[in-house]
Amino acid sequence: MTLSFKDLPCKTICKIFVDKSHIGEVRLDIWTGQWTLYPNFKIRPMQMDDSNNKYFSSIDAGRAMAKIFSKRFNNNKG
């Protein structure tokens, strides 16, 4: 699993890619300085607490989204 980031020119939105697939983006709230997850996939109810957390860097937020993504789709295999 390779994780990659692409910052947009506004510097408040960062797109997250896992194995070259766009899984969502993280956005910076300029008033609090924290990053929020905006996934492109449906999150299970048991993962809602993880997805509602706030992060102090885009890297931490992207890693958290990738972790939720891998739990969501790797458990369905097999």
C-alpha atoms as a PDB file:
ATOM      1  CA  MET A   1       0.000   0.000   0.000  1.00  0.00           C
ATOM      2  CA  THR A   2       1.567   3.266  -1.100  1.00  0.00           C
ATOM      3  CA  LEU A   3       0.252   6.503   0.310  1.00  0.00           C
ATOM      4  CA  SER A   4       0.694   9.766  -1.555  1.00  0.00           C
ATOM      5  CA  PHE A   5      -0.435  13.346  -1.046  1.00  0.00           C
ATOM      6  CA  LYS A   6      -1.182  16.165  -3.472  1.00  0.00           C
ATOM      7  CA  ASP A   7      -1.506  19.689  -2.092  1.00  0.00           C
ATOM      8  CA  LEU A   8      -3.816  22.009  -3.970  1.00  0.00           C
ATOM      9  CA  PRO A   9      -2.655  25.582  -4.683  1.00  0.00           C
ATOM     10  CA  CYS A  10      -4.836  26.993  -1.881  1.00  0.00           C
ATOM     11  CA  LYS A  11      -2.774  24.972   0.668  1.00  0.00           C
ATOM     12  CA  THR A  12      -5.904  24.208   2.727  1.00  0.00           C
ATOM     13  CA  ILE A  13      -6.893  21.041   0.855  1.00  0.00           C
ATOM     14  CA  CYS A  14      -4.750  17.955   0.338  1.00  0.00           C
ATOM     15  CA  LYS A  15      -5.849  15.030  -1.835  1.00  0.00           C
ATOM     16  CA  ILE A  16      -5.034  11.542  -0.534  1.00  0.00           C
ATOM     17  CA  PHE A  17      -4.140   8.631  -2.820  1.00  0.00           C
ATOM     18  CA  VAL A  18      -3.639   4.949  -1.948  1.00  0.00           C
ATOM     19  CA  ASP A  19      -2.012   2.900  -4.707  1.00  0.00           C
ATOM     20  CA  LYS A  20      -2.825   5.704  -7.201  1.00  0.00           C
ATOM     21  CA  SER A  21      -6.537   5.628  -6.284  1.00  0.00           C
ATOM     22  CA  HIS A  22      -8.057   8.848  -4.941  1.00  0.00           C
ATOM     23  CA  ILE A  23      -9.679   7.968  -1.593  1.00  0.00           C
ATOM     24  CA  GLY A  24     -10.603  11.470  -0.461  1.00  0.00           C
ATOM     25  CA  GLU A  25      -9.172  14.702   0.819  1.00  0.00           C
ATOM     26  CA  VAL A  26      -8.293  16.404   4.055  1.00  0.00           C
ATOM     27  CA  ARG A  27      -9.164  20.040   4.640  1.00  0.00           C
ATOM     28  CA  LEU A  28      -7.668  22.608   6.983  1.00  0.00           C
ATOM     29  CA  ASP A  29      -9.923  24.682   9.205  1.00  0.00           C
ATOM     30  CA  ILE A  30      -7.995  27.959   9.233  1.00  0.00           C
ATOM     31  CA  TRP A  31      -9.574  29.109  12.510  1.00  0.00           C
ATOM     32  CA  THR A  32      -8.575  26.062  14.570  1.00  0.00           C
ATOM     33  CA  GLY A  33      -5.548  24.943  12.536  1.00  0.00           C
ATOM     34  CA  GLN A  34      -6.808  21.369  12.444  1.00  0.00           C
ATOM     35  CA  TRP A  35      -7.370  19.001   9.534  1.00  0.00           C
ATOM     36  CA  THR A  36     -10.624  17.104   8.887  1.00  0.00           C
ATOM     37  CA  LEU A  37     -11.223  13.979   6.778  1.00  0.00           C
ATOM     38  CA  TYR A  38     -13.505  14.020   3.734  1.00  0.00           C
ATOM     39  CA  PRO A  39     -13.384  10.459   2.330  1.00  0.00           C
ATOM     40  CA  ASN A  40     -14.719   9.436  -1.094  1.00  0.00           C
ATOM     41  CA  PHE A  41     -15.864   6.077   0.257  1.00  0.00           C
ATOM     42  CA  LYS A  42     -18.651   5.077   2.609  1.00  0.00           C
ATOM     43  CA  ILE A  43     -17.569   4.715   6.218  1.00  0.00           C
ATOM     44  CA  ARG A  44     -18.982   1.997   8.436  1.00  0.00           C
ATOM     45  CA  PRO A  45     -20.841   3.143  11.556  1.00  0.00           C
ATOM     46  CA  MET A  46     -18.181   1.580  13.812  1.00  0.00           C
ATOM     47  CA  GLN A  47     -15.519   3.766  12.129  1.00  0.00           C
ATOM     48  CA  MET A  48     -17.390   7.065  12.505  1.00  0.00           C
ATOM     49  CA  ASP A  49     -15.460   8.032  15.647  1.00  0.00           C
ATOM     50  CA  ASP A  50     -12.156   7.616  13.797  1.00  0.00           C
ATOM     51  CA  SER A  51     -13.355   9.684  10.851  1.00  0.00           C
ATOM     52  CA  ASN A  52     -14.627  12.544  13.028  1.00  0.00           C
ATOM     53  CA  ASN A  53     -11.271  13.160  14.737  1.00  0.00           C
ATOM     54  CA  LYS A  54      -9.314  16.345  14.045  1.00  0.00           C
ATOM     55  CA  TYR A  55      -5.601  16.263  13.233  1.00  0.00           C
ATOM     56  CA  PHE A  56      -2.800  18.814  13.555  1.00  0.00           C
ATOM     57  CA  SER A  57      -1.132  17.944  10.234  1.00  0.00           C
ATOM     58  CA  SER A  58      -2.263  16.830   6.800  1.00  0.00           C
ATOM     59  CA  ILE A  59       0.109  13.873   6.982  1.00  0.00           C
ATOM     60  CA  ASP A  60      -1.473  12.544  10.181  1.00  0.00           C
ATOM     61  CA  ALA A  61      -4.959  13.062   8.738  1.00  0.00           C
ATOM     62  CA  GLY A  62      -3.988  11.313   5.493  1.00  0.00           C
ATOM     63  CA  ARG A  63      -2.521   8.360   7.367  1.00  0.00           C
ATOM     64  CA  ALA A  64      -5.695   8.079   9.442  1.00  0.00           C
ATOM     65  CA  MET A  65      -7.840   8.082   6.297  1.00  0.00           C
ATOM     66  CA  ALA A  66      -5.639   5.426   4.688  1.00  0.00           C
ATOM     67  CA  LYS A  67      -5.949   3.292   7.819  1.00  0.00           C
ATOM     68  CA  ILE A  68      -9.757   3.568   7.749  1.00  0.00           C
ATOM     69  CA  PHE A  69      -9.715   2.783   4.013  1.00  0.00           C
ATOM     70  CA  SER A  70      -7.558  -0.315   4.471  1.00  0.00           C
ATOM     71  CA  LYS A  71      -9.729  -1.602   7.330  1.00  0.00           C
ATOM     72  CA  ARG A  72     -12.855  -1.008   5.269  1.00  0.00           C
ATOM     73  CA  PHE A  73     -11.752  -2.767   2.098  1.00  0.00           C
ATOM     74  CA  ASN A  74      -9.164  -5.325   3.244  1.00  0.00           C
ATOM     75  CA  ASN A  75     -11.674  -6.945   5.602  1.00  0.00           C
ATOM     76  CA  ASN A  76     -14.002  -7.590   2.653  1.00  0.00           C
ATOM     77  CA  LYS A  77     -11.423  -9.641   0.762  1.00  0.00           C
ATOM     78  CA  GLY A  78     -11.633 -13.387   1.161  1.00  0.00           C
END
